[in-house]
């Protein structure tokens, strides 16, 4: 998950040069804080089910 957030940060950082990245950086900040909290709450509610983050690249 954090590798994907890092990758999105690089992409959005590069997009700041054409000013569209400034719109996505606050969303990336929220994405990097809210999704882990949601994952923790989901796991605490049902620990037998594995949680899969949305919007990530699955290599394997």
C-alpha atoms as a PDB file:
ATOM      1  CA  UNK A   1       0.000   0.000   0.000  1.00  0.00           C
ATOM      2  CA  UNK A   2       2.684   2.482   0.961  1.00  0.00           C
ATOM      3  CA  UNK A   3       4.666   1.768  -2.184  1.00  0.00           C
ATOM      4  CA  UNK A   4       1.595   2.726  -4.194  1.00  0.00           C
ATOM      5  CA  UNK A   5       1.096   5.931  -2.196  1.00  0.00           C
ATOM      6  CA  UNK A   6       4.758   6.751  -2.845  1.00  0.00           C
ATOM      7  CA  UNK A   7       4.282   6.090  -6.557  1.00  0.00           C
ATOM      8  CA  UNK A   8       1.150   8.250  -6.687  1.00  0.00           C
ATOM      9  CA  UNK A   9       3.082  10.976  -4.864  1.00  0.00           C
ATOM     10  CA  UNK A  10       5.764  10.955  -7.539  1.00  0.00           C
ATOM     11  CA  UNK A  11       3.157  11.119 -10.299  1.00  0.00           C
ATOM     12  CA  UNK A  12       1.197  13.922  -8.642  1.00  0.00           C
ATOM     13  CA  UNK A  13       4.429  15.722  -7.767  1.00  0.00           C
ATOM     14  CA  UNK A  14       5.396  15.682 -11.429  1.00  0.00           C
ATOM     15  CA  UNK A  15       1.931  16.946 -12.330  1.00  0.00           C
ATOM     16  CA  UNK A  16       2.401  19.988 -10.084  1.00  0.00           C
ATOM     17  CA  UNK A  17       4.592  21.453 -12.800  1.00  0.00           C
ATOM     18  CA  UNK A  18       1.507  21.765 -14.998  1.00  0.00           C
ATOM     19  CA  UNK A  19      -0.570  22.840 -11.961  1.00  0.00           C
ATOM     20  CA  UNK A  20      -3.041  19.940 -12.041  1.00  0.00           C
ATOM     21  CA  UNK A  21      -1.078  18.051  -9.376  1.00  0.00           C
ATOM     22  CA  UNK A  22      -1.988  20.626  -6.736  1.00  0.00           C
ATOM     23  CA  UNK A  23      -5.558  19.362  -6.930  1.00  0.00           C
ATOM     24  CA  UNK A  24      -4.526  15.766  -6.331  1.00  0.00           C
ATOM     25  CA  UNK A  25      -1.979  16.222  -3.526  1.00  0.00           C
ATOM     26  CA  UNK A  26      -4.612  16.916  -0.816  1.00  0.00           C
ATOM     27  CA  UNK A  27      -6.515  13.848  -2.014  1.00  0.00           C
ATOM     28  CA  UNK A  28      -3.346  11.780  -1.757  1.00  0.00           C
ATOM     29  CA  UNK A  29      -2.819  13.043   1.797  1.00  0.00           C
ATOM     30  CA  UNK A  30      -6.348  11.998   2.757  1.00  0.00           C
ATOM     31  CA  UNK A  31      -5.897   8.709   0.909  1.00  0.00           C
ATOM     32  CA  UNK A  32      -2.747   7.911   2.891  1.00  0.00           C
ATOM     33  CA  UNK A  33      -4.479   8.607   6.227  1.00  0.00           C
ATOM     34  CA  UNK A  34      -8.060   7.465   5.775  1.00  0.00           C
ATOM     35  CA  UNK A  35      -7.532   4.107   4.067  1.00  0.00           C
ATOM     36  CA  UNK A  36      -5.235   2.641   6.776  1.00  0.00           C
ATOM     37  CA  UNK A  37      -7.723   3.740   9.442  1.00  0.00           C
ATOM     38  CA  UNK A  38     -10.534   2.104   7.488  1.00  0.00           C
ATOM     39  CA  UNK A  39      -8.417  -1.056   7.171  1.00  0.00           C
ATOM     40  CA  UNK A  40      -7.792  -1.161  10.917  1.00  0.00           C
ATOM     41  CA  UNK A  41     -11.497  -0.770  11.663  1.00  0.00           C
ATOM     42  CA  UNK A  42     -12.392  -3.467   9.132  1.00  0.00           C
ATOM     43  CA  UNK A  43      -9.854  -5.908  10.594  1.00  0.00           C
ATOM     44  CA  UNK A  44     -11.006  -5.222  14.146  1.00  0.00           C
ATOM     45  CA  UNK A  45     -14.581  -5.937  13.089  1.00  0.00           C
ATOM     46  CA  UNK A  46     -13.828  -9.226  11.317  1.00  0.00           C
ATOM     47  CA  UNK A  47     -10.250 -10.468  11.868  1.00  0.00           C
ATOM     48  CA  UNK A  48     -10.714 -13.661   9.826  1.00  0.00           C
ATOM     49  CA  UNK A  49     -11.172 -11.789   6.541  1.00  0.00           C
ATOM     50  CA  UNK A  50      -8.133 -10.256   4.870  1.00  0.00           C
ATOM     51  CA  UNK A  51      -8.470  -6.619   3.855  1.00  0.00           C
ATOM     52  CA  UNK A  52      -7.485  -5.518   0.357  1.00  0.00           C
ATOM     53  CA  UNK A  53      -6.731  -1.871  -0.227  1.00  0.00           C
ATOM     54  CA  UNK A  54      -8.467  -0.246  -3.187  1.00  0.00           C
ATOM     55  CA  UNK A  55      -6.546   1.639  -5.905  1.00  0.00           C
ATOM     56  CA  UNK A  56      -3.318  -0.349  -5.594  1.00  0.00           C
ATOM     57  CA  UNK A  57      -1.270  -2.199  -8.178  1.00  0.00           C
ATOM     58  CA  UNK A  58      -1.204  -5.909  -7.478  1.00  0.00           C
ATOM     59  CA  UNK A  59       2.067  -7.305  -8.801  1.00  0.00           C
ATOM     60  CA  UNK A  60       1.425 -10.969  -8.066  1.00  0.00           C
END
